[in-house]
Amino acid sequence: MAEFAGKKHTLTLDNRERLVITGAEDVNGFNEEAVSVSTTDGLLLIKGSGLHIDRLNLETGDVSIDGKINAMQYVGGDKSRSKLSRLFR
């Protein structure tokens, strides 16, 4: 995680059919209806139909997802991140 500490996190959604994410640290799980991505700003859940990961490069933090995107939600927040960071001090 440390190597991504200064990495900018962005989301670009094109016609609800293509999502490009920067600042991705890991893909925790995926199927045709949901994708879970750990980002530098927290865990991002993407829900939809016919979803598939078109491009994944964790070295650069880039992920592209194609399909019908119905919802995106961050799970947790700054409070959960600070609790986790306290464990590793």
C-alpha atoms as a PDB file:
ATOM      1  CA  MET A   1       0.000   0.000   0.000  1.00  0.00           C
ATOM      2  CA  ALA A   2       2.841   2.394   0.706  1.00  0.00           C
ATOM      3  CA  GLU A   3       3.848   2.650  -2.939  1.00  0.00           C
ATOM      4  CA  PHE A   4       0.387   4.039  -3.774  1.00  0.00           C
ATOM      5  CA  ALA A   5       0.274   6.572  -0.932  1.00  0.00           C
ATOM      6  CA  GLY A   6       0.747   9.576  -3.238  1.00  0.00           C
ATOM      7  CA  LYS A   7      -1.065   8.111  -6.247  1.00  0.00           C
ATOM      8  CA  LYS A   8      -4.049  10.047  -7.506  1.00  0.00           C
ATOM      9  CA  HIS A   9      -7.345   8.142  -7.555  1.00  0.00           C
ATOM     10  CA  THR A  10      -9.807   8.933 -10.346  1.00  0.00           C
ATOM     11  CA  LEU A  11     -12.955   7.421 -11.842  1.00  0.00           C
ATOM     12  CA  THR A  12     -14.040   8.027 -15.424  1.00  0.00           C
ATOM     13  CA  LEU A  13     -17.428   6.630 -16.453  1.00  0.00           C
ATOM     14  CA  ASP A  14     -18.367   6.658 -20.137  1.00  0.00           C
ATOM     15  CA  ASN A  15     -22.083   6.161 -20.912  1.00  0.00           C
ATOM     16  CA  ARG A  16     -22.406   3.776 -17.932  1.00  0.00           C
ATOM     17  CA  GLU A  17     -20.676   1.160 -20.126  1.00  0.00           C
ATOM     18  CA  ARG A  18     -16.957   1.684 -19.447  1.00  0.00           C
ATOM     19  CA  LEU A  19     -15.337   2.603 -16.152  1.00  0.00           C
ATOM     20  CA  VAL A  20     -11.661   3.547 -15.961  1.00  0.00           C
ATOM     21  CA  ILE A  21     -10.109   3.637 -12.482  1.00  0.00           C
ATOM     22  CA  THR A  22      -6.695   4.956 -11.476  1.00  0.00           C
ATOM     23  CA  GLY A  23      -5.184   4.508  -8.039  1.00  0.00           C
ATOM     24  CA  ALA A  24      -6.274   0.850  -7.810  1.00  0.00           C
ATOM     25  CA  GLU A  25      -4.312  -1.295  -5.389  1.00  0.00           C
ATOM     26  CA  ASP A  26      -6.048  -4.670  -5.875  1.00  0.00           C
ATOM     27  CA  VAL A  27      -9.134  -6.372  -7.284  1.00  0.00           C
ATOM     28  CA  ASN A  28     -10.636  -8.289  -4.363  1.00  0.00           C
ATOM     29  CA  GLY A  29     -13.291 -10.138  -6.331  1.00  0.00           C
ATOM     30  CA  PHE A  30     -15.426  -9.960  -9.417  1.00  0.00           C
ATOM     31  CA  ASN A  31     -18.240 -11.598 -11.348  1.00  0.00           C
ATOM     32  CA  GLU A  32     -20.684 -10.402 -14.011  1.00  0.00           C
ATOM     33  CA  GLU A  33     -22.744  -8.467 -11.455  1.00  0.00           C
ATOM     34  CA  ALA A  34     -20.154  -6.958  -9.097  1.00  0.00           C
ATOM     35  CA  VAL A  35     -16.501  -5.916  -8.912  1.00  0.00           C
ATOM     36  CA  SER A  36     -14.661  -5.037  -5.687  1.00  0.00           C
ATOM     37  CA  VAL A  37     -11.574  -2.832  -6.078  1.00  0.00           C
ATOM     38  CA  SER A  38      -9.265  -1.610  -3.314  1.00  0.00           C
ATOM     39  CA  THR A  39      -8.190   1.934  -4.169  1.00  0.00           C
ATOM     40  CA  THR A  40      -5.954   4.495  -2.537  1.00  0.00           C
ATOM     41  CA  ASP A  41      -9.176   6.135  -1.254  1.00  0.00           C
ATOM     42  CA  GLY A  42     -10.865   2.981   0.083  1.00  0.00           C
ATOM     43  CA  LEU A  43     -12.796  -0.057  -1.094  1.00  0.00           C
ATOM     44  CA  LEU A  44     -14.923   0.609  -4.183  1.00  0.00           C
ATOM     45  CA  LEU A  45     -17.839  -1.674  -5.086  1.00  0.00           C
ATOM     46  CA  ILE A  46     -19.148  -1.554  -8.651  1.00  0.00           C
ATOM     47  CA  LYS A  47     -22.490  -3.201  -9.426  1.00  0.00           C
ATOM     48  CA  GLY A  48     -24.110  -3.847 -12.766  1.00  0.00           C
ATOM     49  CA  SER A  49     -24.657  -6.532 -15.381  1.00  0.00           C
ATOM     50  CA  GLY A  50     -22.353  -8.147 -17.899  1.00  0.00           C
ATOM     51  CA  LEU A  51     -19.325  -6.689 -16.101  1.00  0.00           C
ATOM     52  CA  HIS A  52     -15.872  -7.815 -17.079  1.00  0.00           C
ATOM     53  CA  ILE A  53     -12.397  -6.469 -16.402  1.00  0.00           C
ATOM     54  CA  ASP A  54     -10.997  -5.308 -19.723  1.00  0.00           C
ATOM     55  CA  ARG A  55      -7.631  -4.085 -18.424  1.00  0.00           C
ATOM     56  CA  LEU A  56      -5.821  -4.599 -15.139  1.00  0.00           C
ATOM     57  CA  ASN A  57      -2.377  -3.248 -14.328  1.00  0.00           C
ATOM     58  CA  LEU A  58      -1.723  -3.109 -10.598  1.00  0.00           C
ATOM     59  CA  GLU A  59       1.816  -1.811 -11.137  1.00  0.00           C
ATOM     60  CA  THR A  60       0.375   1.441 -12.512  1.00  0.00           C
ATOM     61  CA  GLY A  61      -2.917   1.197 -10.580  1.00  0.00           C
ATOM     62  CA  ASP A  62      -5.095   1.171 -13.723  1.00  0.00           C
ATOM     63  CA  VAL A  63      -8.299  -0.858 -14.118  1.00  0.00           C
ATOM     64  CA  SER A  64     -10.893  -0.749 -16.918  1.00  0.00           C
ATOM     65  CA  ILE A  65     -14.293  -2.384 -16.504  1.00  0.00           C
ATOM     66  CA  ASP A  66     -16.812  -2.890 -19.320  1.00  0.00           C
ATOM     67  CA  GLY A  67     -20.517  -3.729 -19.015  1.00  0.00           C
ATOM     68  CA  LYS A  68     -23.672  -2.002 -17.779  1.00  0.00           C
ATOM     69  CA  ILE A  69     -22.733  -0.094 -14.611  1.00  0.00           C
ATOM     70  CA  ASN A  70     -25.663   0.556 -12.297  1.00  0.00           C
ATOM     71  CA  ALA A  71     -23.999   1.663  -9.052  1.00  0.00           C
ATOM     72  CA  MET A  72     -20.665   2.539  -7.447  1.00  0.00           C
ATOM     73  CA  GLN A  73     -20.132   2.787  -3.706  1.00  0.00           C
ATOM     74  CA  TYR A  74     -17.189   3.321  -1.397  1.00  0.00           C
ATOM     75  CA  VAL A  75     -17.277   1.057   1.639  1.00  0.00           C
ATOM     76  CA  GLY A  76     -15.663   2.316   4.794  1.00  0.00           C
ATOM     77  CA  GLY A  77     -14.112   5.695   4.933  1.00  0.00           C
ATOM     78  CA  ASP A  78     -11.459   7.791   6.549  1.00  0.00           C
ATOM     79  CA  LYS A  79     -12.441   6.507  10.006  1.00  0.00           C
ATOM     80  CA  SER A  80     -11.905   2.848   9.057  1.00  0.00           C
ATOM     81  CA  ARG A  81      -8.659   3.701   7.309  1.00  0.00           C
ATOM     82  CA  SER A  82      -7.326   5.549  10.356  1.00  0.00           C
ATOM     83  CA  LYS A  83      -8.233   2.599  12.619  1.00  0.00           C
ATOM     84  CA  LEU A  84      -6.320   0.281  10.307  1.00  0.00           C
ATOM     85  CA  SER A  85      -3.332   2.603  10.151  1.00  0.00           C
ATOM     86  CA  ARG A  86      -3.220   2.698  13.965  1.00  0.00           C
ATOM     87  CA  LEU A  87      -2.746  -1.076  14.020  1.00  0.00           C
ATOM     88  CA  PHE A  88       0.457  -0.781  11.983  1.00  0.00           C
ATOM     89  CA  ARG A  89       2.151   2.007  13.973  1.00  0.00           C
END
